[in-house]
Protein backbone atom coordinates (compact mmCIF):
# COMPACT_ATOMS: atom_id res chain seq x y z
CA UNK A 1 31.77 1.58 -26.99
CA UNK A 2 31.53 -2.03 -26.00
CA UNK A 3 28.29 -3.38 -24.57
CA UNK A 4 29.53 -6.46 -22.85
CA UNK A 5 26.93 -7.97 -20.59
CA UNK A 6 23.51 -7.80 -19.05
CA UNK A 7 22.69 -9.56 -15.81
CA UNK A 8 19.34 -10.11 -14.20
CA UNK A 9 19.26 -11.02 -10.55
CA UNK A 10 16.08 -13.10 -10.19
CA UNK A 11 16.84 -14.91 -6.97
CA UNK A 12 16.08 -11.84 -4.89
CA UNK A 13 12.53 -11.20 -6.04
CA UNK A 14 10.29 -10.51 -3.04
CA UNK A 15 6.72 -11.64 -3.08
CA UNK A 16 4.05 -11.21 -0.45
CA UNK A 17 3.39 -14.40 1.52
CA UNK A 18 0.69 -16.68 0.14
CA UNK A 19 -1.08 -16.48 3.52
CA UNK A 20 -2.33 -13.00 2.60
CA UNK A 21 -4.54 -14.60 -0.02
CA UNK A 22 -6.37 -16.36 2.80
CA UNK A 23 -6.40 -13.14 4.85
CA UNK A 24 -8.11 -11.29 2.02
CA UNK A 25 -10.67 -14.10 1.62
CA UNK A 26 -11.44 -14.34 5.36
CA UNK A 27 -11.48 -10.55 5.76
CA UNK A 28 -13.91 -10.09 2.85
CA UNK A 29 -16.22 -12.82 4.16
CA UNK A 30 -16.26 -11.41 7.68
CA UNK A 31 -16.97 -7.88 6.53
CA UNK A 32 -19.73 -8.95 4.17
CA UNK A 33 -21.35 -10.84 7.07
CA UNK A 34 -21.09 -7.72 9.22
CA UNK A 35 -22.71 -5.59 6.52
CA UNK A 36 -25.63 -8.06 6.49
CA UNK A 37 -25.90 -7.88 10.31
CA UNK A 38 -25.82 -4.10 10.34
CA UNK A 39 -28.42 -3.79 7.58
CA UNK A 40 -30.71 -6.29 9.32
CA UNK A 41 -30.57 -4.57 12.69
CA UNK A 42 -30.83 -1.19 11.00
CA UNK A 43 -34.11 -2.23 9.40
CA UNK A 44 -35.45 -3.95 12.55
CA UNK A 45 -34.39 -1.08 14.83
CA UNK A 46 -35.39 1.65 12.38
CA UNK A 47 -31.88 3.03 12.68
CA UNK A 48 -30.71 5.17 9.78
CA UNK A 49 -27.29 5.41 11.44
CA UNK A 50 -26.80 1.63 11.21
CA UNK A 51 -28.08 1.52 7.63
CA UNK A 52 -25.70 4.32 6.64
CA UNK A 53 -22.78 2.57 8.33
CA UNK A 54 -23.72 -0.69 6.55
CA UNK A 55 -23.44 1.19 3.24
CA UNK A 56 -20.09 2.62 4.34
CA UNK A 57 -18.78 -0.84 5.26
CA UNK A 58 -20.00 -2.29 1.96
CA UNK A 59 -17.90 0.34 0.13
CA UNK A 60 -14.93 -0.71 2.28
CA UNK A 61 -15.45 -4.30 1.20
CA UNK A 62 -14.95 -3.01 -2.35
CA UNK A 63 -11.57 -1.61 -1.32
CA UNK A 64 -10.66 -4.95 0.25
CA UNK A 65 -11.66 -6.84 -2.88
CA UNK A 66 -9.66 -4.39 -4.97
CA UNK A 67 -6.50 -5.06 -2.92
CA UNK A 68 -7.19 -8.83 -3.04
CA UNK A 69 -7.61 -8.76 -6.84
CA UNK A 70 -4.33 -6.87 -7.27
CA UNK A 71 -2.60 -9.34 -4.97
CA UNK A 72 -3.77 -12.22 -7.20
CA UNK A 73 -3.03 -10.36 -10.47
CA UNK A 74 0.55 -9.76 -9.33
CA UNK A 75 1.11 -13.52 -9.41
CA UNK A 76 0.47 -13.77 -13.16
CA UNK A 77 3.53 -14.58 -15.32
CA UNK A 78 4.96 -12.10 -17.82
CA UNK A 79 3.67 -12.06 -21.41
CA UNK A 80 4.81 -10.64 -24.71
CA UNK A 81 2.70 -7.54 -24.08
CA UNK A 82 3.10 -7.27 -20.29
CA UNK A 83 6.75 -8.05 -19.87
CA UNK A 84 6.62 -7.55 -16.07
CA UNK A 85 3.33 -9.40 -15.78
CA UNK A 86 0.64 -7.48 -13.92
CA UNK A 87 2.74 -6.79 -10.81
CA UNK A 88 2.15 -3.03 -10.97
CA UNK A 89 -1.59 -3.58 -10.42
CA UNK A 90 -0.73 -3.78 -6.70
CA UNK A 91 0.56 -0.19 -6.89
CA UNK A 92 -2.69 0.95 -8.52
CA UNK A 93 -4.74 -0.84 -5.86
CA UNK A 94 -2.79 0.87 -3.08
CA UNK A 95 -3.37 4.26 -4.77
CA UNK A 96 -7.07 3.49 -5.14
CA UNK A 97 -7.38 2.48 -1.51
CA UNK A 98 -5.62 5.63 -0.31
CA UNK A 99 -7.96 7.81 -2.36
CA UNK A 100 -10.93 5.74 -1.26
CA UNK A 101 -10.01 6.22 2.41
CA UNK A 102 -9.68 9.98 1.91
CA UNK A 103 -13.07 10.09 0.22
CA UNK A 104 -14.60 8.17 3.13
CA UNK A 105 -12.99 10.57 5.60
CA UNK A 106 -14.44 13.48 3.67
CA UNK A 107 -17.92 11.97 3.68
CA UNK A 108 -17.84 11.14 7.40
CA UNK A 109 -16.40 14.54 8.29
CA UNK A 110 -19.01 16.41 6.24
CA UNK A 111 -21.84 14.45 7.81
CA UNK A 112 -20.40 15.12 11.28
CA UNK A 113 -20.16 18.89 10.61
CA UNK A 114 -23.80 18.92 9.50
CA UNK A 115 -24.83 17.12 12.69
CA UNK A 116 -23.00 19.40 15.13
CA UNK A 117 -25.66 22.10 14.88
CA UNK A 118 -28.61 19.71 15.08
CA UNK A 119 -27.44 16.32 16.39
CA UNK A 120 -30.06 13.58 15.87
CA UNK A 121 -31.18 11.17 18.56
CA UNK A 122 -28.96 8.09 18.82
CA UNK A 123 -30.53 4.67 19.34
CA UNK A 124 -28.02 3.79 22.05
CA UNK A 125 -28.24 0.17 23.03
CA UNK A 126 -28.69 -1.36 19.59
CA UNK A 127 -26.15 0.87 17.89
CA UNK A 128 -23.56 0.21 20.59
CA UNK A 129 -24.08 -3.55 20.46
CA UNK A 130 -23.69 -3.73 16.68
CA UNK A 131 -20.72 -1.34 16.74
CA UNK A 132 -19.01 -3.61 19.30
CA UNK A 133 -19.32 -6.49 16.84
CA UNK A 134 -17.79 -4.18 14.23
CA UNK A 135 -14.76 -3.53 16.46
CA UNK A 136 -14.18 -7.27 16.79
CA UNK A 137 -14.58 -8.12 13.08
CA UNK A 138 -12.52 -5.19 11.79
CA UNK A 139 -9.92 -5.69 14.50
CA UNK A 140 -9.47 -9.35 13.58
CA UNK A 141 -9.22 -8.49 9.88
CA UNK A 142 -6.68 -5.73 10.56
CA UNK A 143 -4.62 -8.10 12.68
CA UNK A 144 -4.37 -10.55 9.75
CA UNK A 145 -2.74 -7.80 7.65
CA UNK A 146 -0.58 -6.31 10.38
CA UNK A 147 2.51 -8.41 9.59
CA UNK A 148 2.66 -7.30 5.95
CA UNK A 149 1.75 -3.65 6.24
CA UNK A 150 5.38 -2.39 6.33
CA UNK A 151 6.70 -4.36 3.38
CA UNK A 152 3.72 -3.99 0.98
CA UNK A 153 1.72 -0.80 0.61
CA UNK A 154 -1.14 -2.78 -1.00
CA UNK A 155 -1.46 -4.79 2.21
CA UNK A 156 -1.02 -1.54 4.18
CA UNK A 157 -3.99 -0.09 2.34
CA UNK A 158 -6.17 -3.04 3.36
CA UNK A 159 -4.84 -2.81 6.93
CA UNK A 160 -5.67 0.89 7.17
CA UNK A 161 -9.18 0.30 5.82
CA UNK A 162 -9.86 -2.18 8.56
CA UNK A 163 -8.24 -0.05 11.29
CA UNK A 164 -10.31 2.91 10.12
CA UNK A 165 -13.51 0.88 10.35
CA UNK A 166 -12.56 -0.40 13.79
CA UNK A 167 -11.92 3.19 14.96
CA UNK A 168 -15.28 4.33 13.60
CA UNK A 169 -17.04 1.47 15.42
CA UNK A 170 -15.13 2.28 18.60
CA UNK A 171 -16.14 5.91 18.29
CA UNK A 172 -19.78 4.87 17.97
CA UNK A 173 -19.52 2.81 21.15
CA UNK A 174 -17.82 5.61 23.11
CA UNK A 175 -20.17 8.27 21.86
CA UNK A 176 -23.19 6.05 22.47
CA UNK A 177 -22.13 5.37 26.04
CA UNK A 178 -21.56 9.04 26.82
CA UNK A 179 -24.89 9.98 25.29
CA UNK A 180 -26.74 7.35 27.35
CA UNK A 181 -25.15 8.74 30.49
CA UNK A 182 -25.33 12.47 29.80
CA UNK A 183 -27.71 12.95 26.84
CA UNK A 184 -25.02 15.10 25.17
CA UNK A 185 -26.00 14.48 21.56
CA UNK A 186 -23.19 16.65 20.21
CA UNK A 187 -20.64 14.05 21.37
CA UNK A 188 -21.44 11.78 18.38
CA UNK A 189 -20.35 14.21 15.60
CA UNK A 190 -17.38 15.49 17.65
CA UNK A 191 -16.05 11.94 18.10
CA UNK A 192 -16.52 11.37 14.37
CA UNK A 193 -14.37 14.39 13.57
CA UNK A 194 -11.60 13.20 15.91
CA UNK A 195 -11.66 9.77 14.22
CA UNK A 196 -11.45 11.48 10.82
CA UNK A 197 -8.32 13.31 11.89
CA UNK A 198 -6.71 10.06 13.04
CA UNK A 199 -7.58 8.26 9.80
CA UNK A 200 -6.34 11.20 7.71
CA UNK A 201 -2.99 11.23 9.49
CA UNK A 202 -2.45 7.51 8.96
CA UNK A 203 -3.61 7.55 5.33
CA UNK A 204 -1.43 10.47 4.16
CA UNK A 205 1.73 8.38 4.12
CA UNK A 206 -0.02 5.64 2.12
CA UNK A 207 -1.19 8.22 -0.44
CA UNK A 208 2.29 9.76 -0.83
CA UNK A 209 4.00 6.37 -1.22
CA UNK A 210 1.44 5.00 -3.69
CA UNK A 211 1.53 8.17 -5.86
CA UNK A 212 5.32 8.12 -5.97
CA UNK A 213 5.43 4.41 -6.81
CA UNK A 214 2.80 4.83 -9.53
CA UNK A 215 5.11 7.30 -11.34
CA UNK A 216 8.15 5.01 -10.95
CA UNK A 217 9.88 6.93 -8.16
CA UNK A 218 12.56 5.13 -6.16
CA UNK A 219 10.73 3.07 -3.49
CA UNK A 220 10.86 4.64 0.01
CA UNK A 221 12.87 1.73 1.41
CA UNK A 222 15.75 2.27 -1.05
CA UNK A 223 18.35 5.01 -0.63
CA UNK A 224 19.42 5.95 -4.19
CA UNK A 225 22.54 7.82 -2.97
CA UNK A 226 23.72 4.73 -1.09
CA UNK A 227 23.12 2.57 -4.15
CA UNK A 228 25.12 4.97 -6.36
CA UNK A 229 27.95 5.01 -3.84
CA UNK A 230 27.97 1.21 -3.65
CA UNK A 231 28.17 0.80 -7.45
CA UNK A 232 30.89 3.45 -7.93
CA UNK A 233 33.10 1.77 -5.31
CA UNK A 234 33.00 -1.64 -7.04
CA UNK A 235 36.44 -2.82 -8.22
CA UNK A 236 37.21 -1.68 -11.76
CA UNK A 237 34.34 0.84 -12.03
CA UNK A 238 35.58 4.24 -13.27
CA UNK A 239 32.19 5.89 -13.62
CA UNK A 240 28.52 5.06 -13.84
CA UNK A 241 25.54 6.63 -15.59
CA UNK A 242 21.94 5.96 -16.63
CA UNK A 243 21.12 4.65 -13.17
CA UNK A 244 17.40 3.96 -12.76
CA UNK A 245 15.64 2.42 -9.76
CA UNK A 246 11.88 1.86 -9.84
CA UNK A 247 9.16 -0.40 -8.37
CA UNK A 248 7.86 -3.29 -10.42
CA UNK A 249 5.17 -3.88 -7.80
CA UNK A 250 4.57 -2.96 -4.17
CA UNK A 251 7.13 -5.59 -3.11
CA UNK A 252 9.65 -5.76 -6.01
CA UNK A 253 12.27 -3.27 -7.16
CA UNK A 254 14.23 -3.11 -10.38
CA UNK A 255 17.54 -1.36 -11.28
CA UNK A 256 19.34 -0.63 -14.56
CA UNK A 257 22.75 1.00 -14.84
CA UNK A 258 25.69 1.52 -17.19
CA UNK A 259 29.11 0.85 -15.59
CA UNK A 260 32.27 2.18 -17.30
CA UNK A 261 35.04 -0.37 -16.69
CA UNK A 262 38.15 0.52 -18.80
CA UNK A 263 40.02 -2.54 -17.59
CA UNK A 264 37.77 -4.84 -19.51
CA UNK A 265 34.75 -7.00 -18.88
CA UNK A 266 34.85 -8.30 -15.29
CA UNK A 267 33.15 -11.63 -15.96
CA UNK A 268 29.86 -13.22 -14.99
CA UNK A 269 30.91 -13.73 -11.36
CA UNK A 270 31.15 -9.93 -10.95
CA UNK A 271 27.66 -9.45 -12.33
CA UNK A 272 26.15 -12.18 -10.18
CA UNK A 273 27.90 -10.97 -7.01
CA UNK A 274 26.80 -7.38 -7.63
CA UNK A 275 23.20 -8.43 -8.20
CA UNK A 276 23.32 -10.55 -5.03
CA UNK A 277 24.68 -7.62 -2.99
CA UNK A 278 22.09 -5.19 -4.37
CA UNK A 279 19.33 -7.59 -3.37
CA UNK A 280 20.58 -8.23 0.13
CA UNK A 281 21.76 -4.68 0.94
CA UNK A 282 18.95 -2.69 -0.72
CA UNK A 283 16.14 -5.11 -1.50
CA UNK A 284 16.61 -4.70 -5.29
CA UNK A 285 15.75 -8.08 -6.76
CA UNK A 286 15.82 -7.39 -10.50
CA UNK A 287 19.13 -5.93 -11.70
CA UNK A 288 20.37 -5.22 -15.20
CA UNK A 289 23.95 -4.00 -15.62
CA UNK A 290 25.48 -2.83 -18.87
CA UNK A 291 29.29 -2.82 -19.05
CA UNK A 292 31.09 -0.21 -21.14
CA UNK A 293 34.87 -0.49 -21.76
CA UNK A 294 35.98 2.20 -24.18
CA UNK A 295 36.25 5.44 -22.20
CA UNK A 296 36.90 7.48 -25.34
CA UNK A 297 33.54 6.57 -26.88
CA UNK A 298 30.75 8.63 -25.30
CA UNK A 299 27.53 6.84 -24.43
CA UNK A 300 24.46 8.77 -25.63
CA UNK A 301 22.87 8.23 -22.20
CA UNK A 302 25.88 9.32 -20.18
CA UNK A 303 24.49 12.63 -18.83
CA UNK A 304 22.36 11.99 -15.78
CA UNK A 305 19.60 14.28 -17.10
CA UNK A 306 19.00 12.01 -20.11
CA UNK A 307 16.72 8.97 -20.00
């Protein structure tokens, strides 16, 4: 068996825009300021609801900082120990944020269920005014992450955190207004449960994608069948095996594969062109191809079930 060449396509590596670093910084600062405002008015207005929401928003700041830290860690260069650098930290941050959001939904939902039977009095005007500020701050922060939410699940996690907080604040305003007009105290926990359902629906996809990426599944934006078909149809390729596609980070994908080419080594141009096509067609920016020439010599990794 002849092992002829390895090729790494580096030109196609995809990194999140540097502007997201500023978005994380601005978003963290805005939300910390809002926590301080909520806590202050909660103390002055003797509102346990505002104090509780300030604590909730402080925990969300932790999620934002986690995503920001992973974003910065992903920029670190490879080392002898961490040969891909710390790019996979962005996957762990996305998984953490998904679990964090689900835990927050559980806490809000449980509190709402407890309040349905005996809803407490709501301090309408103050709570509504502060919640309106929350809609604005969380809405602005979410908007800063909107552009990157589809291409990076770490950014999507931060985006969903901010959208969830904006929805909670909007629910407080709506519930507060209805209560002031009707004195229906049960509206507050019911609106909270509706918001929980919305957040849960939007977070479930983030959780599935982050879990799959954390165990090196093929990223959701890559069709492995299409990649296999593309490689088998390349000129000179008789068979392929040991095909692996996995995420290096939330924005980068790697591929390794053995190509059986009985006609001989195709040359560096073939390797470069194939890497270029994989990057542009499938978003795979880090490709390693191993060429095998002797069809009579079995490769130990030839069966697809072997790794």
